[in-house]
Amino acid sequence: MKTFRWPVVVVVSGVLAAGILVGTYWDRVDHTAVGVDHAAASGELRSPDIDVRIQGVQALQRIAVESPGDQPAVTSELSSFIRSTAGTAPCADQPVGRDVQAALSALRLRSPAGDLGTVVDLHGACLNDAQMANISLVYANLAGVDFGDANLSWSVLDGADLTGANLGGANLSYAHVVDARMASVNLSGAKTVDINVNYSR
């Protein structure tokens, strides 16, 4: 006659039930609604109205917070928006627009771990006078970016590709630029108080 081990059955059942409850609790994202909001925000980025574009950037920022699984796509989309909107070399001697600054601020406020390997790609962008203090751009593609007079203090650029970037007059105080690629970088007039460039080349 088969004997049931009720305590074991009860314990296992309890663990499974708890797992289901925890999974339900942590995934309360309405993915259908998020998808609709994401599509709307992406459309706003293409608007001819700068205020609507900023609204789109802010919507994407909220989506990345409310639906962490969407953050890699948002990071990639914001990077593309910055490149296309800021323009590329030859860069005009003027500050970045409010919409580009909003997108940079969104990248600055994100949780880098949530990118899940997605690399920020700003190569060739005109980011004069951009406010990017405390931003994390680890392993980012920053080749040829014009950071003239930008504020990159306390930024983390470890492993980034800065080949040919213009950092003339930029504030790099306390920045972490470990193991970065810095061939042909212009640092003329840059503020480099306590910058860490160990192993960079």
N, C-alpha and C. Protein backbone atom coordinates (compact mmCIF):
# COMPACT_ATOMS: atom_id res chain seq x y z
N MET A 1 0.85 -1.19 0.00
CA MET A 1 0.00 0.00 0.00
C MET A 1 0.89 1.24 0.00
N LYS A 2 0.57 2.19 -0.93
CA LYS A 2 1.41 3.39 -1.08
C LYS A 2 1.10 4.41 0.01
N THR A 3 2.16 4.89 0.62
CA THR A 3 1.98 5.87 1.69
C THR A 3 2.32 7.26 1.17
N PHE A 4 1.42 8.22 1.33
CA PHE A 4 1.66 9.59 0.90
C PHE A 4 2.37 10.36 1.99
N ARG A 5 3.32 11.13 1.58
CA ARG A 5 4.04 11.97 2.54
C ARG A 5 3.43 13.36 2.50
N TRP A 6 2.35 13.52 3.22
CA TRP A 6 1.58 14.77 3.17
C TRP A 6 2.39 16.01 3.51
N PRO A 7 3.25 15.96 4.51
CA PRO A 7 4.01 17.19 4.81
C PRO A 7 4.83 17.67 3.62
N VAL A 8 5.44 16.71 2.89
CA VAL A 8 6.25 17.09 1.74
C VAL A 8 5.38 17.68 0.65
N VAL A 9 4.21 17.04 0.41
CA VAL A 9 3.29 17.52 -0.61
C VAL A 9 2.82 18.93 -0.28
N VAL A 10 2.51 19.15 0.97
CA VAL A 10 2.02 20.46 1.41
C VAL A 10 3.10 21.52 1.22
N VAL A 11 4.34 21.17 1.60
CA VAL A 11 5.44 22.13 1.49
C VAL A 11 5.70 22.48 0.03
N VAL A 12 5.76 21.45 -0.83
CA VAL A 12 6.01 21.69 -2.24
C VAL A 12 4.90 22.52 -2.85
N SER A 13 3.66 22.18 -2.51
CA SER A 13 2.52 22.95 -3.02
C SER A 13 2.58 24.39 -2.57
N GLY A 14 3.00 24.59 -1.33
CA GLY A 14 3.10 25.95 -0.80
C GLY A 14 4.16 26.75 -1.52
N VAL A 15 5.29 26.11 -1.81
CA VAL A 15 6.37 26.79 -2.51
C VAL A 15 5.93 27.18 -3.91
N LEU A 16 5.26 26.25 -4.62
CA LEU A 16 4.79 26.54 -5.97
C LEU A 16 3.79 27.68 -5.97
N ALA A 17 2.89 27.64 -5.00
CA ALA A 17 1.88 28.70 -4.91
C ALA A 17 2.53 30.05 -4.63
N ALA A 18 3.54 30.05 -3.75
CA ALA A 18 4.24 31.30 -3.43
C ALA A 18 4.95 31.83 -4.66
N GLY A 19 5.55 30.89 -5.44
CA GLY A 19 6.24 31.31 -6.66
C GLY A 19 5.30 31.96 -7.64
N ILE A 20 4.11 31.39 -7.77
CA ILE A 20 3.11 31.95 -8.68
C ILE A 20 2.68 33.33 -8.22
N LEU A 21 2.47 33.48 -6.91
CA LEU A 21 2.05 34.77 -6.36
C LEU A 21 3.12 35.82 -6.55
N VAL A 22 4.40 35.42 -6.31
CA VAL A 22 5.50 36.38 -6.47
C VAL A 22 5.62 36.81 -7.92
N GLY A 23 5.53 35.83 -8.84
CA GLY A 23 5.61 36.15 -10.26
C GLY A 23 4.50 37.09 -10.68
N THR A 24 3.32 36.85 -10.16
CA THR A 24 2.18 37.71 -10.48
C THR A 24 2.40 39.10 -9.93
N TYR A 25 2.97 39.14 -8.71
CA TYR A 25 3.17 40.44 -8.06
C TYR A 25 4.19 41.28 -8.83
N TRP A 26 5.29 40.64 -9.25
CA TRP A 26 6.37 41.41 -9.86
C TRP A 26 6.11 41.76 -11.32
N ASP A 27 5.24 41.03 -11.99
CA ASP A 27 4.96 41.36 -13.38
C ASP A 27 3.53 41.88 -13.50
N ARG A 28 3.35 43.09 -13.06
CA ARG A 28 2.05 43.72 -13.14
C ARG A 28 1.98 44.70 -14.30
N VAL A 29 2.93 44.60 -15.21
CA VAL A 29 2.98 45.52 -16.34
C VAL A 29 1.92 45.13 -17.37
N ASP A 30 1.16 46.11 -17.78
CA ASP A 30 0.20 45.91 -18.85
C ASP A 30 0.96 46.10 -20.16
N HIS A 31 1.48 45.00 -20.70
CA HIS A 31 2.36 45.10 -21.86
C HIS A 31 1.65 45.64 -23.10
N THR A 32 0.37 45.38 -23.21
CA THR A 32 -0.37 45.90 -24.36
C THR A 32 -0.43 47.42 -24.30
N ALA A 33 -0.74 47.94 -23.11
CA ALA A 33 -0.81 49.40 -22.94
C ALA A 33 0.56 50.03 -23.13
N VAL A 34 1.60 49.36 -22.61
CA VAL A 34 2.97 49.88 -22.77
C VAL A 34 3.34 49.94 -24.24
N GLY A 35 2.95 48.92 -24.99
CA GLY A 35 3.25 48.90 -26.42
C GLY A 35 2.59 50.06 -27.15
N VAL A 36 1.35 50.36 -26.77
CA VAL A 36 0.63 51.48 -27.38
C VAL A 36 1.33 52.80 -27.03
N ASP A 37 1.69 52.95 -25.75
CA ASP A 37 2.37 54.17 -25.30
C ASP A 37 3.73 54.33 -25.98
N HIS A 38 4.43 53.20 -26.14
CA HIS A 38 5.75 53.25 -26.76
C HIS A 38 5.64 53.69 -28.21
N ALA A 39 4.67 53.16 -28.91
CA ALA A 39 4.48 53.54 -30.31
C ALA A 39 4.13 55.02 -30.43
N ALA A 40 3.29 55.50 -29.50
CA ALA A 40 2.91 56.91 -29.52
C ALA A 40 4.11 57.81 -29.25
N ALA A 41 4.93 57.41 -28.27
CA ALA A 41 6.12 58.20 -27.93
C ALA A 41 7.11 58.23 -29.09
N SER A 42 7.27 57.10 -29.76
CA SER A 42 8.18 57.04 -30.90
C SER A 42 7.71 57.97 -32.02
N GLY A 43 6.40 58.05 -32.19
CA GLY A 43 5.85 58.96 -33.19
C GLY A 43 6.09 60.40 -32.83
N GLU A 44 6.01 60.71 -31.53
CA GLU A 44 6.25 62.09 -31.09
C GLU A 44 7.69 62.53 -31.33
N LEU A 45 8.62 61.59 -31.28
CA LEU A 45 10.03 61.94 -31.53
C LEU A 45 10.24 62.45 -32.95
N ARG A 46 9.32 62.10 -33.85
CA ARG A 46 9.45 62.52 -35.25
C ARG A 46 8.66 63.79 -35.56
N SER A 47 8.08 64.39 -34.53
CA SER A 47 7.27 65.60 -34.72
C SER A 47 8.15 66.80 -35.10
N PRO A 48 7.64 67.72 -35.91
CA PRO A 48 8.38 68.94 -36.23
C PRO A 48 8.38 69.93 -35.07
N ASP A 49 7.55 69.68 -34.06
CA ASP A 49 7.41 70.56 -32.90
C ASP A 49 8.36 70.09 -31.79
N ILE A 50 9.27 70.94 -31.38
CA ILE A 50 10.27 70.55 -30.38
C ILE A 50 9.63 70.17 -29.05
N ASP A 51 8.56 70.84 -28.67
CA ASP A 51 7.91 70.52 -27.40
C ASP A 51 7.25 69.14 -27.44
N VAL A 52 6.74 68.76 -28.59
CA VAL A 52 6.16 67.42 -28.74
C VAL A 52 7.27 66.37 -28.69
N ARG A 53 8.42 66.68 -29.29
CA ARG A 53 9.55 65.75 -29.23
C ARG A 53 10.02 65.55 -27.80
N ILE A 54 10.06 66.63 -27.04
CA ILE A 54 10.45 66.52 -25.62
C ILE A 54 9.43 65.68 -24.86
N GLN A 55 8.17 65.85 -25.19
CA GLN A 55 7.11 65.05 -24.58
C GLN A 55 7.33 63.57 -24.88
N GLY A 56 7.73 63.27 -26.12
CA GLY A 56 8.02 61.89 -26.49
C GLY A 56 9.19 61.31 -25.72
N VAL A 57 10.23 62.12 -25.53
CA VAL A 57 11.39 61.69 -24.75
C VAL A 57 10.98 61.37 -23.32
N GLN A 58 10.19 62.25 -22.73
CA GLN A 58 9.75 62.04 -21.35
C GLN A 58 8.86 60.80 -21.22
N ALA A 59 8.05 60.54 -22.24
CA ALA A 59 7.20 59.35 -22.24
C ALA A 59 8.07 58.08 -22.29
N LEU A 60 9.10 58.09 -23.12
CA LEU A 60 10.00 56.94 -23.19
C LEU A 60 10.72 56.72 -21.86
N GLN A 61 11.08 57.81 -21.23
CA GLN A 61 11.75 57.71 -19.93
C GLN A 61 10.84 57.04 -18.91
N ARG A 62 9.56 57.40 -18.90
CA ARG A 62 8.60 56.79 -17.98
C ARG A 62 8.41 55.31 -18.31
N ILE A 63 8.36 54.98 -19.59
CA ILE A 63 8.17 53.59 -20.01
C ILE A 63 9.31 52.72 -19.50
N ALA A 64 10.54 53.21 -19.60
CA ALA A 64 11.70 52.44 -19.15
C ALA A 64 11.64 52.17 -17.65
N VAL A 65 11.03 53.09 -16.90
CA VAL A 65 10.91 52.91 -15.45
C VAL A 65 9.76 51.96 -15.12
N GLU A 66 8.63 52.16 -15.76
CA GLU A 66 7.44 51.38 -15.46
C GLU A 66 7.49 49.97 -16.06
N SER A 67 8.23 49.80 -17.15
CA SER A 67 8.36 48.50 -17.80
C SER A 67 9.84 48.23 -18.07
N PRO A 68 10.58 47.76 -17.05
CA PRO A 68 12.03 47.58 -17.19
C PRO A 68 12.45 46.76 -18.40
N GLY A 69 11.61 45.84 -18.83
CA GLY A 69 11.96 45.03 -19.99
C GLY A 69 12.07 45.83 -21.27
N ASP A 70 11.50 47.04 -21.27
CA ASP A 70 11.56 47.90 -22.45
C ASP A 70 12.76 48.83 -22.44
N GLN A 71 13.52 48.84 -21.33
CA GLN A 71 14.62 49.81 -21.24
C GLN A 71 15.68 49.64 -22.34
N PRO A 72 16.11 48.43 -22.68
CA PRO A 72 17.12 48.34 -23.75
C PRO A 72 16.66 49.00 -25.05
N ALA A 73 15.39 48.78 -25.41
CA ALA A 73 14.86 49.39 -26.64
C ALA A 73 14.80 50.90 -26.51
N VAL A 74 14.42 51.39 -25.32
CA VAL A 74 14.34 52.83 -25.09
C VAL A 74 15.73 53.46 -25.17
N THR A 75 16.71 52.82 -24.57
CA THR A 75 18.09 53.33 -24.61
C THR A 75 18.57 53.44 -26.05
N SER A 76 18.32 52.42 -26.84
CA SER A 76 18.72 52.44 -28.25
C SER A 76 17.98 53.53 -29.02
N GLU A 77 16.70 53.69 -28.72
CA GLU A 77 15.89 54.68 -29.43
C GLU A 77 16.32 56.10 -29.08
N LEU A 78 16.62 56.35 -27.81
CA LEU A 78 17.08 57.67 -27.40
C LEU A 78 18.43 57.99 -28.04
N SER A 79 19.30 56.99 -28.12
CA SER A 79 20.61 57.18 -28.75
C SER A 79 20.45 57.58 -30.21
N SER A 80 19.59 56.88 -30.90
CA SER A 80 19.34 57.18 -32.32
C SER A 80 18.74 58.56 -32.49
N PHE A 81 17.83 58.92 -31.59
CA PHE A 81 17.20 60.25 -31.64
C PHE A 81 18.24 61.35 -31.46
N ILE A 82 19.14 61.16 -30.51
CA ILE A 82 20.19 62.15 -30.25
C ILE A 82 21.07 62.32 -31.49
N ARG A 83 21.49 61.22 -32.09
CA ARG A 83 22.35 61.31 -33.27
C ARG A 83 21.66 62.04 -34.42
N SER A 84 20.42 61.67 -34.69
CA SER A 84 19.73 62.23 -35.85
C SER A 84 19.32 63.68 -35.63
N THR A 85 19.02 64.04 -34.39
CA THR A 85 18.53 65.38 -34.10
C THR A 85 19.66 66.38 -33.85
N ALA A 86 20.71 65.93 -33.19
CA ALA A 86 21.83 66.83 -32.87
C ALA A 86 22.65 67.16 -34.11
N GLY A 87 22.61 66.27 -35.10
CA GLY A 87 23.42 66.47 -36.29
C GLY A 87 24.83 65.95 -36.09
N THR A 88 25.57 65.90 -37.18
CA THR A 88 26.94 65.40 -37.14
C THR A 88 27.90 66.42 -37.77
N ALA A 89 29.18 66.13 -37.66
CA ALA A 89 30.21 67.05 -38.15
C ALA A 89 30.03 67.36 -39.64
N PRO A 90 30.37 68.59 -40.05
CA PRO A 90 30.91 69.68 -39.21
C PRO A 90 29.82 70.30 -38.32
N CYS A 91 30.15 70.44 -37.04
CA CYS A 91 29.17 70.92 -36.07
C CYS A 91 29.16 72.44 -35.98
N ALA A 92 27.97 72.99 -35.87
CA ALA A 92 27.83 74.43 -35.66
C ALA A 92 28.23 74.76 -34.22
N ASP A 93 28.75 75.95 -34.03
CA ASP A 93 29.20 76.37 -32.70
C ASP A 93 28.00 76.89 -31.90
N GLN A 94 27.14 75.96 -31.49
CA GLN A 94 25.96 76.34 -30.71
C GLN A 94 25.58 75.19 -29.79
N PRO A 95 24.91 75.49 -28.68
CA PRO A 95 24.54 74.45 -27.71
C PRO A 95 23.54 73.47 -28.30
N VAL A 96 23.45 72.30 -27.70
CA VAL A 96 22.46 71.32 -28.14
C VAL A 96 21.05 71.88 -27.91
N GLY A 97 20.10 71.39 -28.68
CA GLY A 97 18.72 71.82 -28.52
C GLY A 97 18.09 71.25 -27.25
N ARG A 98 16.96 71.82 -26.87
CA ARG A 98 16.28 71.37 -25.65
C ARG A 98 15.85 69.91 -25.74
N ASP A 99 15.47 69.46 -26.94
CA ASP A 99 15.03 68.08 -27.10
C ASP A 99 16.18 67.10 -26.95
N VAL A 100 17.33 67.45 -27.51
CA VAL A 100 18.52 66.61 -27.37
C VAL A 100 18.97 66.57 -25.92
N GLN A 101 18.93 67.72 -25.26
CA GLN A 101 19.31 67.76 -23.85
C GLN A 101 18.36 66.90 -23.01
N ALA A 102 17.08 66.92 -23.34
CA ALA A 102 16.11 66.10 -22.62
C ALA A 102 16.44 64.61 -22.78
N ALA A 103 16.83 64.21 -24.00
CA ALA A 103 17.18 62.81 -24.25
C ALA A 103 18.46 62.43 -23.50
N LEU A 104 19.43 63.33 -23.47
CA LEU A 104 20.66 63.07 -22.72
C LEU A 104 20.37 62.95 -21.23
N SER A 105 19.48 63.78 -20.74
CA SER A 105 19.11 63.72 -19.32
C SER A 105 18.41 62.40 -19.01
N ALA A 106 17.59 61.91 -19.95
CA ALA A 106 16.92 60.62 -19.76
C ALA A 106 17.94 59.49 -19.67
N LEU A 107 18.97 59.55 -20.51
CA LEU A 107 20.03 58.55 -20.44
C LEU A 107 20.80 58.66 -19.13
N ARG A 108 20.99 59.88 -18.68
CA ARG A 108 21.73 60.09 -17.42
C ARG A 108 20.97 59.51 -16.24
N LEU A 109 19.65 59.58 -16.27
CA LEU A 109 18.84 59.16 -15.13
C LEU A 109 18.48 57.67 -15.16
N ARG A 110 18.79 56.98 -16.27
CA ARG A 110 18.43 55.58 -16.36
C ARG A 110 19.30 54.74 -15.43
N SER A 111 18.89 53.51 -15.18
CA SER A 111 19.72 52.56 -14.45
C SER A 111 20.54 51.78 -15.47
N PRO A 112 21.85 51.99 -15.55
CA PRO A 112 22.67 51.35 -16.59
C PRO A 112 22.52 49.83 -16.65
N ALA A 113 22.33 49.20 -15.49
CA ALA A 113 22.20 47.74 -15.47
C ALA A 113 20.99 47.28 -16.27
N GLY A 114 19.99 48.14 -16.36
CA GLY A 114 18.77 47.79 -17.07
C GLY A 114 18.93 47.76 -18.58
N ASP A 115 20.08 48.21 -19.10
CA ASP A 115 20.33 48.19 -20.54
C ASP A 115 20.56 46.78 -21.06
N LEU A 116 20.93 45.87 -20.17
CA LEU A 116 21.13 44.45 -20.52
C LEU A 116 22.05 44.29 -21.74
N GLY A 117 23.15 45.02 -21.72
CA GLY A 117 24.13 44.88 -22.78
C GLY A 117 23.94 45.82 -23.97
N THR A 118 22.84 46.54 -24.01
CA THR A 118 22.64 47.51 -25.08
C THR A 118 23.64 48.65 -24.93
N VAL A 119 24.34 48.97 -26.00
CA VAL A 119 25.38 50.00 -25.95
C VAL A 119 24.83 51.34 -26.44
N VAL A 120 25.09 52.38 -25.68
CA VAL A 120 24.71 53.73 -26.11
C VAL A 120 25.59 54.12 -27.29
N ASP A 121 24.96 54.48 -28.39
CA ASP A 121 25.70 54.82 -29.60
C ASP A 121 25.41 56.27 -30.00
N LEU A 122 26.37 57.15 -29.72
CA LEU A 122 26.22 58.58 -30.05
C LEU A 122 27.28 59.01 -31.06
N HIS A 123 27.87 58.09 -31.77
CA HIS A 123 29.01 58.40 -32.61
C HIS A 123 28.72 59.57 -33.57
N GLY A 124 29.69 60.48 -33.60
CA GLY A 124 29.62 61.60 -34.53
C GLY A 124 28.66 62.72 -34.17
N ALA A 125 27.96 62.61 -33.08
CA ALA A 125 26.94 63.61 -32.74
C ALA A 125 27.55 64.94 -32.30
N CYS A 126 26.82 66.02 -32.56
CA CYS A 126 27.24 67.36 -32.14
C CYS A 126 26.61 67.65 -30.78
N LEU A 127 27.41 67.57 -29.72
CA LEU A 127 26.89 67.73 -28.36
C LEU A 127 27.58 68.89 -27.64
N ASN A 128 27.76 69.99 -28.35
CA ASN A 128 28.37 71.17 -27.74
C ASN A 128 27.56 71.66 -26.55
N ASP A 129 28.26 71.97 -25.47
CA ASP A 129 27.65 72.53 -24.26
C ASP A 129 26.62 71.61 -23.62
N ALA A 130 26.61 70.35 -23.96
CA ALA A 130 25.64 69.42 -23.37
C ALA A 130 25.90 69.24 -21.88
N GLN A 131 24.83 69.10 -21.12
CA GLN A 131 24.93 68.89 -19.68
C GLN A 131 24.79 67.39 -19.41
N MET A 132 25.93 66.76 -19.10
CA MET A 132 25.95 65.30 -18.98
C MET A 132 26.67 64.86 -17.71
N ALA A 133 26.66 65.69 -16.68
CA ALA A 133 27.33 65.33 -15.43
C ALA A 133 26.69 64.06 -14.86
N ASN A 134 27.54 63.17 -14.34
CA ASN A 134 27.10 61.93 -13.68
C ASN A 134 26.51 60.89 -14.63
N ILE A 135 26.65 61.08 -15.93
CA ILE A 135 26.08 60.12 -16.87
C ILE A 135 26.97 58.87 -16.96
N SER A 136 26.35 57.72 -17.16
CA SER A 136 27.10 56.48 -17.35
C SER A 136 27.05 56.10 -18.83
N LEU A 137 28.22 56.08 -19.46
CA LEU A 137 28.33 55.72 -20.87
C LEU A 137 29.40 54.63 -21.02
N VAL A 138 29.30 53.63 -20.17
CA VAL A 138 30.26 52.53 -20.19
C VAL A 138 30.17 51.77 -21.52
N TYR A 139 31.32 51.60 -22.15
CA TYR A 139 31.44 50.91 -23.45
C TYR A 139 30.66 51.61 -24.57
N ALA A 140 30.27 52.85 -24.37
CA ALA A 140 29.50 53.57 -25.39
C ALA A 140 30.34 53.88 -26.62
N ASN A 141 29.66 54.00 -27.76
CA ASN A 141 30.32 54.41 -28.99
C ASN A 141 30.24 55.93 -29.07
N LEU A 142 31.34 56.59 -28.74
CA LEU A 142 31.41 58.05 -28.72
C LEU A 142 32.44 58.56 -29.73
N ALA A 143 32.77 57.72 -30.68
CA ALA A 143 33.78 58.09 -31.67
C ALA A 143 33.33 59.32 -32.47
N GLY A 144 34.23 60.29 -32.53
CA GLY A 144 33.95 61.48 -33.34
C GLY A 144 32.92 62.43 -32.76
N VAL A 145 32.46 62.21 -31.54
CA VAL A 145 31.47 63.12 -30.94
C VAL A 145 32.12 64.46 -30.62
N ASP A 146 31.40 65.54 -30.86
CA ASP A 146 31.89 66.88 -30.51
C ASP A 146 31.30 67.25 -29.15
N PHE A 147 32.13 67.10 -28.12
CA PHE A 147 31.74 67.43 -26.74
C PHE A 147 32.26 68.80 -26.35
N GLY A 148 32.49 69.68 -27.28
CA GLY A 148 33.06 70.98 -26.98
C GLY A 148 32.31 71.70 -25.87
N ASP A 149 33.04 72.04 -24.79
CA ASP A 149 32.49 72.78 -23.64
C ASP A 149 31.37 72.04 -22.92
N ALA A 150 31.23 70.75 -23.15
CA ALA A 150 30.19 69.97 -22.46
C ALA A 150 30.58 69.71 -21.01
N ASN A 151 29.59 69.47 -20.18
CA ASN A 151 29.85 69.14 -18.78
C ASN A 151 29.75 67.62 -18.61
N LEU A 152 30.90 66.98 -18.48
CA LEU A 152 30.97 65.53 -18.28
C LEU A 152 31.59 65.20 -16.93
N SER A 153 31.49 66.13 -15.99
CA SER A 153 32.06 65.89 -14.67
C SER A 153 31.38 64.69 -14.00
N TRP A 154 32.18 63.89 -13.31
CA TRP A 154 31.69 62.71 -12.60
C TRP A 154 31.08 61.66 -13.53
N SER A 155 31.29 61.78 -14.83
CA SER A 155 30.75 60.79 -15.76
C SER A 155 31.57 59.51 -15.71
N VAL A 156 30.96 58.42 -16.16
CA VAL A 156 31.66 57.13 -16.21
C VAL A 156 31.72 56.70 -17.67
N LEU A 157 32.93 56.75 -18.23
CA LEU A 157 33.14 56.45 -19.64
C LEU A 157 34.05 55.24 -19.81
N ASP A 158 34.06 54.37 -18.84
CA ASP A 158 34.94 53.20 -18.88
C ASP A 158 34.69 52.36 -20.13
N GLY A 159 35.76 52.03 -20.83
CA GLY A 159 35.67 51.18 -22.00
C GLY A 159 35.05 51.83 -23.22
N ALA A 160 34.73 53.12 -23.13
CA ALA A 160 34.08 53.80 -24.25
C ALA A 160 35.05 54.03 -25.40
N ASP A 161 34.50 54.12 -26.60
CA ASP A 161 35.30 54.45 -27.78
C ASP A 161 35.18 55.95 -28.03
N LEU A 162 36.24 56.68 -27.69
CA LEU A 162 36.28 58.13 -27.84
C LEU A 162 37.19 58.53 -29.00
N THR A 163 37.49 57.61 -29.88
CA THR A 163 38.39 57.88 -30.98
C THR A 163 37.96 59.12 -31.77
N GLY A 164 38.88 60.07 -31.87
CA GLY A 164 38.60 61.27 -32.66
C GLY A 164 37.60 62.23 -32.06
N ALA A 165 37.22 62.03 -30.81
CA ALA A 165 36.23 62.92 -30.17
C ALA A 165 36.85 64.27 -29.84
N ASN A 166 36.03 65.30 -29.87
CA ASN A 166 36.47 66.63 -29.47
C ASN A 166 35.98 66.90 -28.06
N LEU A 167 36.93 67.00 -27.12
CA LEU A 167 36.62 67.31 -25.72
C LEU A 167 37.21 68.67 -25.35
N GLY A 168 37.45 69.49 -26.35
CA GLY A 168 38.02 70.80 -26.10
C GLY A 168 37.12 71.65 -25.22
N GLY A 169 37.66 72.12 -24.11
CA GLY A 169 36.91 72.96 -23.19
C GLY A 169 35.90 72.21 -22.34
N ALA A 170 35.82 70.89 -22.49
CA ALA A 170 34.84 70.12 -21.72
C ALA A 170 35.27 69.99 -20.26
N ASN A 171 34.28 69.83 -19.39
CA ASN A 171 34.56 69.62 -17.97
C ASN A 171 34.56 68.12 -17.70
N LEU A 172 35.75 67.56 -17.51
CA LEU A 172 35.91 66.13 -17.24
C LEU A 172 36.36 65.88 -15.81
N SER A 173 36.15 66.85 -14.95
CA SER A 173 36.58 66.72 -13.57
C SER A 173 35.94 65.50 -12.91
N TYR A 174 36.79 64.69 -12.27
CA TYR A 174 36.35 63.49 -11.53
C TYR A 174 35.71 62.43 -12.43
N ALA A 175 35.88 62.56 -13.72
CA ALA A 175 35.33 61.54 -14.64
C ALA A 175 36.14 60.25 -14.55
N HIS A 176 35.48 59.15 -14.83
CA HIS A 176 36.11 57.82 -14.82
C HIS A 176 36.19 57.36 -16.26
N VAL A 177 37.40 57.34 -16.80
CA VAL A 177 37.60 57.01 -18.22
C VAL A 177 38.62 55.87 -18.31
N VAL A 178 38.34 54.79 -17.62
CA VAL A 178 39.28 53.67 -17.53
C VAL A 178 39.15 52.77 -18.76
N ASP A 179 40.29 52.39 -19.31
CA ASP A 179 40.35 51.46 -20.44
C ASP A 179 39.52 51.94 -21.64
N ALA A 180 39.55 53.24 -21.89
CA ALA A 180 38.81 53.80 -23.02
C ALA A 180 39.75 53.96 -24.22
N ARG A 181 39.16 54.02 -25.38
CA ARG A 181 39.93 54.24 -26.61
C ARG A 181 39.94 55.74 -26.88
N MET A 182 41.12 56.37 -26.84
CA MET A 182 41.21 57.82 -26.90
C MET A 182 42.16 58.31 -27.98
N ALA A 183 42.35 57.53 -29.02
CA ALA A 183 43.24 57.95 -30.10
C ALA A 183 42.69 59.20 -30.78
N SER A 184 43.57 60.17 -31.01
CA SER A 184 43.23 61.42 -31.71
C SER A 184 42.17 62.25 -31.00
N VAL A 185 42.05 62.11 -29.69
CA VAL A 185 41.09 62.92 -28.92
C VAL A 185 41.66 64.31 -28.68
N ASN A 186 40.82 65.32 -28.83
CA ASN A 186 41.23 66.70 -28.55
C ASN A 186 40.81 67.05 -27.12
N LEU A 187 41.81 67.31 -26.27
CA LEU A 187 41.55 67.68 -24.88
C LEU A 187 41.99 69.11 -24.59
N SER A 188 42.15 69.89 -25.62
CA SER A 188 42.62 71.27 -25.46
C SER A 188 41.66 72.08 -24.59
N GLY A 189 42.19 72.61 -23.49
CA GLY A 189 41.38 73.45 -22.61
C GLY A 189 40.41 72.69 -21.74
N ALA A 190 40.44 71.36 -21.77
CA ALA A 190 39.50 70.57 -20.95
C ALA A 190 39.89 70.62 -19.48
N LYS A 191 38.90 70.55 -18.62
CA LYS A 191 39.14 70.50 -17.17
C LYS A 191 39.24 69.03 -16.78
N THR A 192 40.39 68.65 -16.24
CA THR A 192 40.62 67.23 -15.97
C THR A 192 41.03 66.99 -14.51
N VAL A 193 40.46 67.75 -13.59
CA VAL A 193 40.78 67.59 -12.17
C VAL A 193 40.38 66.20 -11.70
N ASP A 194 41.36 65.45 -11.21
CA ASP A 194 41.13 64.10 -10.66
C ASP A 194 40.45 63.15 -11.64
N ILE A 195 40.68 63.33 -12.93
CA ILE A 195 40.15 62.38 -13.92
C ILE A 195 40.93 61.07 -13.82
N ASN A 196 40.25 59.97 -14.00
CA ASN A 196 40.89 58.65 -13.95
C ASN A 196 40.93 58.07 -15.34
N VAL A 197 42.11 58.04 -15.95
CA VAL A 197 42.23 57.53 -17.32
C VAL A 197 43.14 56.30 -17.37
N ASN A 198 43.18 55.54 -16.29
CA ASN A 198 44.03 54.36 -16.24
C ASN A 198 43.73 53.41 -17.40
N TYR A 199 44.76 52.90 -18.01
CA TYR A 199 44.70 51.90 -19.08
C TYR A 199 44.04 52.41 -20.36
N SER A 200 43.70 53.69 -20.41
CA SER A 200 43.13 54.21 -21.65
C SER A 200 44.24 54.39 -22.66
N ARG A 201 43.89 54.33 -23.95
CA ARG A 201 44.92 54.38 -24.96
C ARG A 201 44.42 55.16 -26.16
